[in-house]
Amino acid sequence: MREVVVTGAASHLGRVLLPRLRAAGWSVTGLDRAAPPAGLGDFPWVRADVRDPDLGRHLRGADAVLHLAFAVQCRDLGRRATR
């Protein structure tokens, strides 16, 4: 079975994508700083930050990595909204 790690797995997109990847035949592991969202199902989960210099240890053996993690700075969003 092909293995995929999804960073940012607790995001809305991650919560939608994980079950679909599993249904498509992938072995799926979620990776996020946050705990797995309630109701997501039984997926292997790694609580980690993608900025961790040793992140590679969580990715070893994966056939693919879907990188959905990103950083949001609220002060930047507020500035854009007022323009």
Protein backbone atom coordinates (compact mmCIF):
# COMPACT_ATOMS: atom_id res chain seq x y z
CA MET A 1 0.00 0.00 0.00
CA ARG A 2 1.28 3.49 -0.83
CA GLU A 3 1.94 5.72 2.16
CA VAL A 4 1.27 9.47 2.34
CA VAL A 5 1.89 12.01 5.10
CA VAL A 6 -0.38 15.06 5.08
CA THR A 7 0.99 18.15 6.87
CA GLY A 8 -1.60 20.61 8.12
CA ALA A 9 -3.94 17.66 8.50
CA ALA A 10 -6.11 19.39 11.13
CA SER A 11 -7.07 22.11 8.64
CA HIS A 12 -10.37 22.08 6.78
CA LEU A 13 -8.67 20.83 3.62
CA GLY A 14 -6.79 18.15 5.57
CA ARG A 15 -9.99 16.90 7.21
CA VAL A 16 -11.59 16.55 3.79
CA LEU A 17 -8.55 15.02 2.10
CA LEU A 18 -7.55 12.33 4.62
CA PRO A 19 -10.67 10.15 4.21
CA ARG A 20 -10.58 10.57 0.44
CA LEU A 21 -6.96 9.46 0.25
CA ARG A 22 -7.76 6.40 2.37
CA ALA A 23 -10.71 5.57 0.11
CA ALA A 24 -8.36 5.82 -2.88
CA GLY A 25 -6.12 3.13 -1.37
CA TRP A 26 -3.47 5.20 0.41
CA SER A 27 -2.17 4.53 3.91
CA VAL A 28 -2.57 8.01 5.42
CA THR A 29 -0.81 9.69 8.36
CA GLY A 30 -1.86 13.15 9.52
CA LEU A 31 0.79 15.56 10.79
CA ASP A 32 -0.12 18.81 12.54
CA ARG A 33 0.77 20.89 15.60
CA ALA A 34 -2.82 20.44 16.73
CA ALA A 35 -4.49 17.29 17.99
CA PRO A 36 -6.61 15.37 15.50
CA PRO A 37 -10.04 16.98 15.06
CA ALA A 38 -13.01 15.22 16.64
CA GLY A 39 -14.91 13.05 14.22
CA LEU A 40 -12.03 12.65 11.77
CA GLY A 41 -11.81 8.89 12.17
CA ASP A 42 -9.01 6.55 13.07
CA PHE A 43 -5.91 7.88 11.33
CA PRO A 44 -2.31 7.60 12.56
CA TRP A 45 -1.42 11.09 13.83
CA VAL A 46 1.85 12.88 14.53
CA ARG A 47 1.83 16.08 16.58
CA ALA A 48 4.75 18.02 15.16
CA ASP A 49 5.66 21.41 13.75
CA VAL A 50 6.82 21.53 10.12
CA ARG A 51 9.47 24.05 11.20
CA ASP A 52 11.16 21.36 13.31
CA PRO A 53 14.66 20.76 11.87
CA ASP A 54 14.24 17.03 12.57
CA LEU A 55 10.90 16.76 10.73
CA GLY A 56 12.35 14.23 8.29
CA ARG A 57 12.06 11.46 10.87
CA HIS A 58 8.27 11.69 10.51
CA LEU A 59 8.42 11.54 6.73
CA ARG A 60 10.71 8.54 6.27
CA GLY A 61 9.09 5.69 4.41
CA ALA A 62 6.37 7.86 2.89
CA ASP A 63 5.82 7.58 -0.85
CA ALA A 64 4.35 11.08 -0.90
CA VAL A 65 3.98 14.16 1.29
CA LEU A 66 1.06 16.55 0.79
CA HIS A 67 2.14 19.83 2.34
CA LEU A 68 -0.94 21.75 3.49
CA ALA A 69 0.59 23.43 6.55
CA PHE A 70 1.02 27.19 6.53
CA ALA A 71 1.49 30.04 8.96
CA VAL A 72 -1.05 32.81 9.33
CA GLN A 73 -0.25 36.08 11.00
CA CYS A 74 -3.47 37.80 12.01
CA ARG A 75 -1.97 41.28 11.95
CA ASP A 76 -1.20 40.84 8.24
CA LEU A 77 -4.74 39.67 7.50
CA GLY A 78 -6.25 42.66 9.28
CA ARG A 79 -4.06 45.07 7.35
CA ARG A 80 -5.12 43.55 4.02
CA ALA A 81 -8.79 43.64 4.97
CA THR A 82 -8.71 47.40 5.54
CA ARG A 83 -7.19 48.25 2.17
